[in-house]
Amino acid sequence: MATKKVKRTGRLGSRYGVGIRKRLLKIESEQFAPHNCPECGAPKVKRKAPGIFYCKKCGYEFAGGAYVPETMSGTIVKKMVSQKVFLPNLRNLIEAKEKAPVQAEANADSEARPKHGKKEKKHAKEKTEKNPGEIKDD
């Protein structure tokens, strides 16, 4: 039974804590809100499974976020592609990919050398500080 104050989370009663119920309310309000179809523009999009949505009007099926058809990161990428913002940086990306194998070889060389962990350093320090044959006079 839903109430004005707790809305859809009223079905949970006092279980699970306030924070989780608020988070659930936020996600479910976005999930069940009407969404427009990217193909025909009709507000008839329904969630088929997590990440899979379809339009009841035109039958268009597409992938999106787990709860909403379009995530914030997906929106940003779509804007970048439409504005072609990534093209000026394309040369830098290609150069970075070419340099990556050289850096991988350098990392492989450094991994070949033995590394000392914290415990080994600590034991080495203790050995130098403690000399069993040495007697201290105070």
N, C-alpha and C. Protein backbone atom coordinates (compact mmCIF):
# COMPACT_ATOMS: atom_id res chain seq x y z
N MET A 1 0.84 -1.18 0.00
CA MET A 1 0.00 0.00 0.00
C MET A 1 0.89 1.24 0.00
N ALA A 2 0.74 2.07 -1.01
CA ALA A 2 1.55 3.28 -1.13
C ALA A 2 0.90 4.44 -0.37
N THR A 3 1.73 5.30 0.17
CA THR A 3 1.24 6.49 0.85
C THR A 3 1.87 7.71 0.20
N LYS A 4 1.39 8.89 0.61
CA LYS A 4 1.94 10.13 0.05
C LYS A 4 3.41 10.30 0.41
N LYS A 5 3.76 9.95 1.63
CA LYS A 5 5.10 10.21 2.12
C LYS A 5 6.14 9.25 1.55
N VAL A 6 5.87 7.96 1.57
CA VAL A 6 6.88 6.98 1.16
C VAL A 6 6.64 6.43 -0.25
N LYS A 7 5.52 6.75 -0.84
CA LYS A 7 5.18 6.37 -2.22
C LYS A 7 5.31 4.87 -2.45
N ARG A 8 6.07 4.47 -3.45
CA ARG A 8 6.17 3.06 -3.85
C ARG A 8 6.85 2.19 -2.81
N THR A 9 7.64 2.77 -1.94
CA THR A 9 8.37 1.96 -0.96
C THR A 9 7.51 1.61 0.24
N GLY A 10 6.27 2.03 0.25
CA GLY A 10 5.36 1.68 1.33
C GLY A 10 5.17 0.18 1.44
N ARG A 11 5.35 -0.53 0.33
CA ARG A 11 5.18 -1.98 0.33
C ARG A 11 6.23 -2.69 1.18
N LEU A 12 7.36 -2.01 1.46
CA LEU A 12 8.43 -2.61 2.24
C LEU A 12 8.22 -2.46 3.74
N GLY A 13 7.31 -1.57 4.14
CA GLY A 13 7.09 -1.34 5.55
C GLY A 13 8.28 -0.67 6.19
N SER A 14 8.65 -1.11 7.39
CA SER A 14 9.78 -0.50 8.09
C SER A 14 11.07 -1.28 7.86
N ARG A 15 11.05 -2.24 6.95
CA ARG A 15 12.23 -3.07 6.71
C ARG A 15 13.28 -2.37 5.84
N TYR A 16 14.52 -2.81 5.92
CA TYR A 16 15.65 -2.44 5.07
C TYR A 16 16.27 -1.07 5.34
N GLY A 17 15.69 -0.22 6.13
CA GLY A 17 16.30 1.07 6.46
C GLY A 17 15.87 2.18 5.51
N VAL A 18 15.93 3.40 6.00
CA VAL A 18 15.47 4.57 5.26
C VAL A 18 16.30 4.83 4.02
N GLY A 19 17.64 4.72 4.15
CA GLY A 19 18.52 5.03 3.02
C GLY A 19 18.26 4.14 1.82
N ILE A 20 18.11 2.85 2.05
CA ILE A 20 17.87 1.92 0.95
C ILE A 20 16.49 2.17 0.34
N ARG A 21 15.50 2.45 1.17
CA ARG A 21 14.16 2.72 0.63
C ARG A 21 14.15 3.99 -0.21
N LYS A 22 14.91 5.02 0.21
CA LYS A 22 14.99 6.26 -0.58
C LYS A 22 15.67 6.01 -1.91
N ARG A 23 16.77 5.22 -1.89
CA ARG A 23 17.48 4.90 -3.11
C ARG A 23 16.59 4.11 -4.08
N LEU A 24 15.84 3.16 -3.53
CA LEU A 24 14.91 2.37 -4.33
C LEU A 24 13.84 3.25 -4.94
N LEU A 25 13.32 4.19 -4.17
CA LEU A 25 12.30 5.10 -4.67
C LEU A 25 12.82 5.95 -5.82
N LYS A 26 14.06 6.43 -5.70
CA LYS A 26 14.66 7.25 -6.75
C LYS A 26 14.82 6.44 -8.05
N ILE A 27 15.34 5.22 -7.93
CA ILE A 27 15.55 4.37 -9.10
C ILE A 27 14.23 3.98 -9.74
N GLU A 28 13.27 3.57 -8.92
CA GLU A 28 11.99 3.12 -9.48
C GLU A 28 11.20 4.26 -10.11
N SER A 29 11.32 5.47 -9.57
CA SER A 29 10.59 6.59 -10.17
C SER A 29 11.14 6.89 -11.56
N GLU A 30 12.47 6.74 -11.75
CA GLU A 30 13.06 6.92 -13.09
C GLU A 30 12.70 5.75 -14.00
N GLN A 31 12.72 4.55 -13.43
CA GLN A 31 12.50 3.34 -14.22
C GLN A 31 11.09 3.28 -14.80
N PHE A 32 10.09 3.63 -14.01
CA PHE A 32 8.71 3.51 -14.46
C PHE A 32 8.15 4.78 -15.07
N ALA A 33 8.96 5.82 -15.18
CA ALA A 33 8.51 7.06 -15.84
C ALA A 33 8.40 6.79 -17.34
N PRO A 34 7.52 7.51 -18.04
CA PRO A 34 7.42 7.30 -19.49
C PRO A 34 8.69 7.79 -20.20
N HIS A 35 9.19 6.97 -21.12
CA HIS A 35 10.39 7.30 -21.89
C HIS A 35 10.03 7.34 -23.36
N ASN A 36 10.67 8.26 -24.08
CA ASN A 36 10.41 8.41 -25.51
C ASN A 36 11.27 7.45 -26.31
N CYS A 37 10.69 6.94 -27.41
CA CYS A 37 11.40 6.03 -28.30
C CYS A 37 12.40 6.83 -29.14
N PRO A 38 13.65 6.36 -29.25
CA PRO A 38 14.63 7.08 -30.06
C PRO A 38 14.33 6.98 -31.57
N GLU A 39 13.52 6.02 -31.97
CA GLU A 39 13.21 5.81 -33.38
C GLU A 39 12.00 6.64 -33.82
N CYS A 40 10.88 6.46 -33.10
CA CYS A 40 9.64 7.15 -33.53
C CYS A 40 9.27 8.33 -32.65
N GLY A 41 9.85 8.44 -31.45
CA GLY A 41 9.58 9.58 -30.57
C GLY A 41 8.36 9.41 -29.69
N ALA A 42 7.66 8.30 -29.78
CA ALA A 42 6.46 8.08 -28.96
C ALA A 42 6.86 7.70 -27.53
N PRO A 43 6.11 8.16 -26.54
CA PRO A 43 6.43 7.81 -25.15
C PRO A 43 5.91 6.42 -24.78
N LYS A 44 6.31 5.41 -25.53
CA LYS A 44 5.80 4.04 -25.35
C LYS A 44 6.91 3.04 -25.06
N VAL A 45 8.04 3.48 -24.54
CA VAL A 45 9.16 2.58 -24.29
C VAL A 45 8.95 1.82 -22.99
N LYS A 46 9.15 0.50 -23.06
CA LYS A 46 9.04 -0.36 -21.89
C LYS A 46 10.32 -1.15 -21.73
N ARG A 47 10.60 -1.53 -20.50
CA ARG A 47 11.80 -2.30 -20.19
C ARG A 47 11.48 -3.78 -20.33
N LYS A 48 12.25 -4.46 -21.17
CA LYS A 48 12.05 -5.89 -21.40
C LYS A 48 12.87 -6.71 -20.40
N ALA A 49 14.11 -6.31 -20.19
CA ALA A 49 15.04 -6.95 -19.26
C ALA A 49 16.04 -5.88 -18.85
N PRO A 50 16.90 -6.16 -17.86
CA PRO A 50 17.89 -5.14 -17.50
C PRO A 50 18.76 -4.75 -18.69
N GLY A 51 18.65 -3.50 -19.11
CA GLY A 51 19.45 -3.00 -20.22
C GLY A 51 18.83 -3.16 -21.59
N ILE A 52 17.68 -3.81 -21.70
CA ILE A 52 17.01 -4.01 -22.99
C ILE A 52 15.63 -3.35 -22.94
N PHE A 53 15.39 -2.46 -23.90
CA PHE A 53 14.13 -1.72 -23.97
C PHE A 53 13.51 -1.89 -25.34
N TYR A 54 12.18 -1.74 -25.41
CA TYR A 54 11.51 -1.81 -26.70
C TYR A 54 10.35 -0.82 -26.72
N CYS A 55 10.00 -0.41 -27.93
CA CYS A 55 8.90 0.53 -28.12
C CYS A 55 7.64 -0.26 -28.45
N LYS A 56 6.54 0.01 -27.74
CA LYS A 56 5.28 -0.69 -27.98
C LYS A 56 4.64 -0.26 -29.30
N LYS A 57 4.98 0.95 -29.75
CA LYS A 57 4.34 1.47 -30.96
C LYS A 57 5.02 0.93 -32.23
N CYS A 58 6.33 1.11 -32.34
CA CYS A 58 7.02 0.74 -33.59
C CYS A 58 7.78 -0.58 -33.49
N GLY A 59 7.91 -1.14 -32.28
CA GLY A 59 8.59 -2.41 -32.11
C GLY A 59 10.11 -2.32 -32.08
N TYR A 60 10.65 -1.10 -32.06
CA TYR A 60 12.10 -0.89 -32.04
C TYR A 60 12.67 -1.36 -30.71
N GLU A 61 13.68 -2.24 -30.77
CA GLU A 61 14.31 -2.76 -29.57
C GLU A 61 15.74 -2.24 -29.51
N PHE A 62 16.17 -1.77 -28.35
CA PHE A 62 17.49 -1.18 -28.23
C PHE A 62 18.04 -1.40 -26.83
N ALA A 63 19.35 -1.18 -26.69
CA ALA A 63 20.03 -1.34 -25.41
C ALA A 63 20.17 0.01 -24.72
N GLY A 64 20.16 -0.01 -23.42
CA GLY A 64 20.31 1.21 -22.63
C GLY A 64 20.93 0.87 -21.29
N GLY A 65 20.63 1.67 -20.29
CA GLY A 65 21.12 1.39 -18.95
C GLY A 65 20.31 0.28 -18.30
N ALA A 66 20.65 -0.09 -17.10
CA ALA A 66 19.94 -1.16 -16.41
C ALA A 66 18.51 -0.78 -16.08
N TYR A 67 18.29 0.48 -15.72
CA TYR A 67 16.96 0.91 -15.30
C TYR A 67 16.33 1.94 -16.23
N VAL A 68 17.14 2.70 -16.92
CA VAL A 68 16.65 3.75 -17.83
C VAL A 68 17.19 3.51 -19.23
N PRO A 69 16.45 3.90 -20.26
CA PRO A 69 16.91 3.65 -21.63
C PRO A 69 18.16 4.42 -22.02
N GLU A 70 18.39 5.57 -21.42
CA GLU A 70 19.57 6.35 -21.77
C GLU A 70 20.25 6.84 -20.50
N THR A 71 21.51 6.44 -20.31
CA THR A 71 22.26 6.84 -19.13
C THR A 71 22.94 8.18 -19.37
N MET A 72 23.46 8.78 -18.30
CA MET A 72 24.12 10.07 -18.42
C MET A 72 25.39 9.95 -19.26
N SER A 73 26.17 8.89 -19.04
CA SER A 73 27.39 8.72 -19.82
C SER A 73 27.06 8.46 -21.29
N GLY A 74 25.98 7.74 -21.56
CA GLY A 74 25.55 7.51 -22.93
C GLY A 74 25.16 8.81 -23.62
N THR A 75 24.51 9.70 -22.89
CA THR A 75 24.12 11.00 -23.42
C THR A 75 25.35 11.83 -23.77
N ILE A 76 26.36 11.81 -22.90
CA ILE A 76 27.59 12.57 -23.14
C ILE A 76 28.30 12.06 -24.39
N VAL A 77 28.40 10.73 -24.52
CA VAL A 77 29.06 10.15 -25.69
C VAL A 77 28.29 10.49 -26.96
N LYS A 78 26.97 10.43 -26.88
CA LYS A 78 26.15 10.74 -28.05
C LYS A 78 26.36 12.19 -28.49
N LYS A 79 26.46 13.11 -27.52
CA LYS A 79 26.72 14.51 -27.86
C LYS A 79 28.11 14.69 -28.47
N MET A 80 29.10 13.99 -27.92
CA MET A 80 30.45 14.08 -28.45
C MET A 80 30.50 13.59 -29.89
N VAL A 81 29.81 12.50 -30.17
CA VAL A 81 29.80 11.96 -31.53
C VAL A 81 29.10 12.91 -32.48
N SER A 82 27.98 13.48 -32.05
CA SER A 82 27.23 14.37 -32.93
C SER A 82 27.99 15.68 -33.19
N GLN A 83 28.74 16.15 -32.19
CA GLN A 83 29.51 17.38 -32.35
C GLN A 83 30.91 17.13 -32.89
N LYS A 84 31.29 15.86 -32.99
CA LYS A 84 32.61 15.46 -33.47
C LYS A 84 33.73 16.10 -32.63
N VAL A 85 33.54 16.11 -31.33
CA VAL A 85 34.49 16.70 -30.39
C VAL A 85 35.74 15.84 -30.28
N PHE A 86 35.59 14.52 -30.45
CA PHE A 86 36.71 13.62 -30.24
C PHE A 86 37.69 13.62 -31.41
N LEU A 87 37.31 14.13 -32.58
CA LEU A 87 38.18 14.09 -33.75
C LEU A 87 39.48 14.88 -33.59
N PRO A 88 39.47 16.09 -33.00
CA PRO A 88 40.76 16.78 -32.81
C PRO A 88 41.72 16.00 -31.93
N ASN A 89 41.20 15.23 -31.01
CA ASN A 89 42.05 14.46 -30.09
C ASN A 89 42.38 13.08 -30.65
N LEU A 90 41.90 12.75 -31.83
CA LEU A 90 42.12 11.44 -32.40
C LEU A 90 43.61 11.17 -32.62
N ARG A 91 44.36 12.17 -33.06
CA ARG A 91 45.79 12.02 -33.29
C ARG A 91 46.50 11.66 -31.98
N ASN A 92 46.10 12.30 -30.90
CA ASN A 92 46.70 12.00 -29.58
C ASN A 92 46.40 10.57 -29.16
N LEU A 93 45.17 10.11 -29.44
CA LEU A 93 44.80 8.75 -29.08
C LEU A 93 45.63 7.74 -29.86
N ILE A 94 45.83 7.99 -31.14
CA ILE A 94 46.62 7.07 -31.97
C ILE A 94 48.07 7.04 -31.50
N GLU A 95 48.63 8.20 -31.17
CA GLU A 95 50.01 8.26 -30.67
C GLU A 95 50.14 7.53 -29.34
N ALA A 96 49.12 7.64 -28.50
CA ALA A 96 49.16 6.96 -27.21
C ALA A 96 49.13 5.44 -27.40
N LYS A 97 48.37 4.97 -28.37
CA LYS A 97 48.32 3.54 -28.64
C LYS A 97 49.65 3.02 -29.16
N GLU A 98 50.33 3.84 -29.98
CA GLU A 98 51.62 3.44 -30.51
C GLU A 98 52.69 3.39 -29.42
N LYS A 99 52.59 4.29 -28.44
CA LYS A 99 53.55 4.32 -27.34
C LYS A 99 53.29 3.22 -26.32
N ALA A 100 52.08 2.73 -26.26
CA ALA A 100 51.69 1.75 -25.25
C ALA A 100 52.54 0.48 -25.30
N PRO A 101 52.85 -0.13 -26.47
CA PRO A 101 53.70 -1.33 -26.47
C PRO A 101 55.11 -1.05 -25.95
N VAL A 102 55.65 0.12 -26.22
CA VAL A 102 56.99 0.46 -25.72
C VAL A 102 56.96 0.53 -24.20
N GLN A 103 55.92 1.12 -23.63
CA GLN A 103 55.81 1.21 -22.18
C GLN A 103 55.59 -0.17 -21.58
N ALA A 104 54.86 -1.06 -22.28
CA ALA A 104 54.63 -2.41 -21.78
C ALA A 104 55.95 -3.17 -21.68
N GLU A 105 56.85 -2.98 -22.68
CA GLU A 105 58.15 -3.63 -22.63
C GLU A 105 58.98 -3.11 -21.45
N ALA A 106 58.90 -1.81 -21.19
CA ALA A 106 59.64 -1.22 -20.06
C ALA A 106 59.11 -1.79 -18.74
N ASN A 107 57.80 -1.97 -18.64
CA ASN A 107 57.21 -2.53 -17.43
C ASN A 107 57.63 -3.98 -17.25
N ALA A 108 57.77 -4.73 -18.36
CA ALA A 108 58.18 -6.13 -18.27
C ALA A 108 59.61 -6.23 -17.75
N ASP A 109 60.48 -5.30 -18.17
CA ASP A 109 61.85 -5.30 -17.68
C ASP A 109 61.90 -5.02 -16.19
N SER A 110 61.08 -4.08 -15.72
CA SER A 110 61.09 -3.75 -14.30
C SER A 110 60.51 -4.89 -13.47
N GLU A 111 59.59 -5.68 -14.05
CA GLU A 111 59.01 -6.80 -13.30
C GLU A 111 60.00 -7.95 -13.18
N ALA A 112 60.97 -8.03 -14.09
CA ALA A 112 61.96 -9.10 -14.05
C ALA A 112 62.88 -8.95 -12.84
N ARG A 113 63.12 -7.71 -12.39
CA ARG A 113 63.96 -7.48 -11.23
C ARG A 113 63.23 -7.90 -9.96
N PRO A 114 63.93 -8.49 -8.99
CA PRO A 114 63.24 -8.90 -7.76
C PRO A 114 62.82 -7.67 -6.95
N LYS A 115 61.64 -7.76 -6.41
CA LYS A 115 61.13 -6.66 -5.58
C LYS A 115 61.10 -7.12 -4.13
N HIS A 116 61.37 -6.20 -3.24
CA HIS A 116 61.35 -6.50 -1.82
C HIS A 116 60.07 -5.95 -1.23
N GLY A 117 59.38 -6.80 -0.51
CA GLY A 117 58.15 -6.37 0.14
C GLY A 117 58.45 -5.68 1.45
N LYS A 118 57.41 -5.21 2.10
CA LYS A 118 57.58 -4.51 3.37
C LYS A 118 58.15 -5.43 4.45
N LYS A 119 57.69 -6.69 4.46
CA LYS A 119 58.15 -7.61 5.48
C LYS A 119 59.64 -7.88 5.32
N GLU A 120 60.08 -8.07 4.07
CA GLU A 120 61.49 -8.35 3.84
C GLU A 120 62.35 -7.17 4.27
N LYS A 121 61.91 -5.95 3.98
CA LYS A 121 62.65 -4.76 4.39
C LYS A 121 62.70 -4.67 5.90
N LYS A 122 61.58 -4.99 6.55
CA LYS A 122 61.51 -4.90 8.01
C LYS A 122 62.47 -5.90 8.65
N HIS A 123 62.48 -7.13 8.11
CA HIS A 123 63.38 -8.15 8.66
C HIS A 123 64.84 -7.78 8.43
N ALA A 124 65.13 -7.21 7.28
CA ALA A 124 66.51 -6.79 6.99
C ALA A 124 66.94 -5.70 7.96
N LYS A 125 66.02 -4.78 8.28
CA LYS A 125 66.33 -3.69 9.20
C LYS A 125 66.56 -4.23 10.61
N GLU A 126 65.72 -5.19 11.02
CA GLU A 126 65.86 -5.77 12.36
C GLU A 126 67.18 -6.51 12.49
N LYS A 127 67.61 -7.18 11.44
CA LYS A 127 68.87 -7.92 11.49
C LYS A 127 70.06 -6.98 11.66
N THR A 128 69.99 -5.82 10.99
CA THR A 128 71.09 -4.86 11.11
C THR A 128 71.10 -4.19 12.48
N GLU A 129 69.92 -3.97 13.06
CA GLU A 129 69.84 -3.31 14.37
C GLU A 129 70.24 -4.24 15.50
N LYS A 130 69.86 -5.52 15.39
CA LYS A 130 70.12 -6.47 16.46
C LYS A 130 71.35 -7.31 16.12
N ASN A 131 72.35 -7.21 16.93
CA ASN A 131 73.52 -8.08 16.81
C ASN A 131 73.58 -8.92 18.08
N PRO A 132 73.36 -10.23 17.98
CA PRO A 132 73.28 -11.06 19.18
C PRO A 132 74.61 -11.12 19.96
N GLY A 133 75.71 -10.94 19.31
CA GLY A 133 77.00 -11.02 20.01
C GLY A 133 77.38 -9.73 20.72
N GLU A 134 76.61 -8.68 20.51
CA GLU A 134 76.97 -7.37 21.04
C GLU A 134 76.28 -7.15 22.40
N ILE A 135 77.01 -6.74 23.40
CA ILE A 135 76.45 -6.48 24.72
C ILE A 135 76.52 -4.99 24.98
N LYS A 136 75.37 -4.44 25.37
CA LYS A 136 75.33 -3.00 25.63
C LYS A 136 75.53 -2.74 27.12
N ASP A 137 76.37 -1.76 27.45
CA ASP A 137 76.59 -1.37 28.85
C ASP A 137 75.87 -0.07 29.11
N ASP A 138 74.97 -0.06 30.08
CA ASP A 138 74.24 1.16 30.42
C ASP A 138 74.59 1.66 31.77
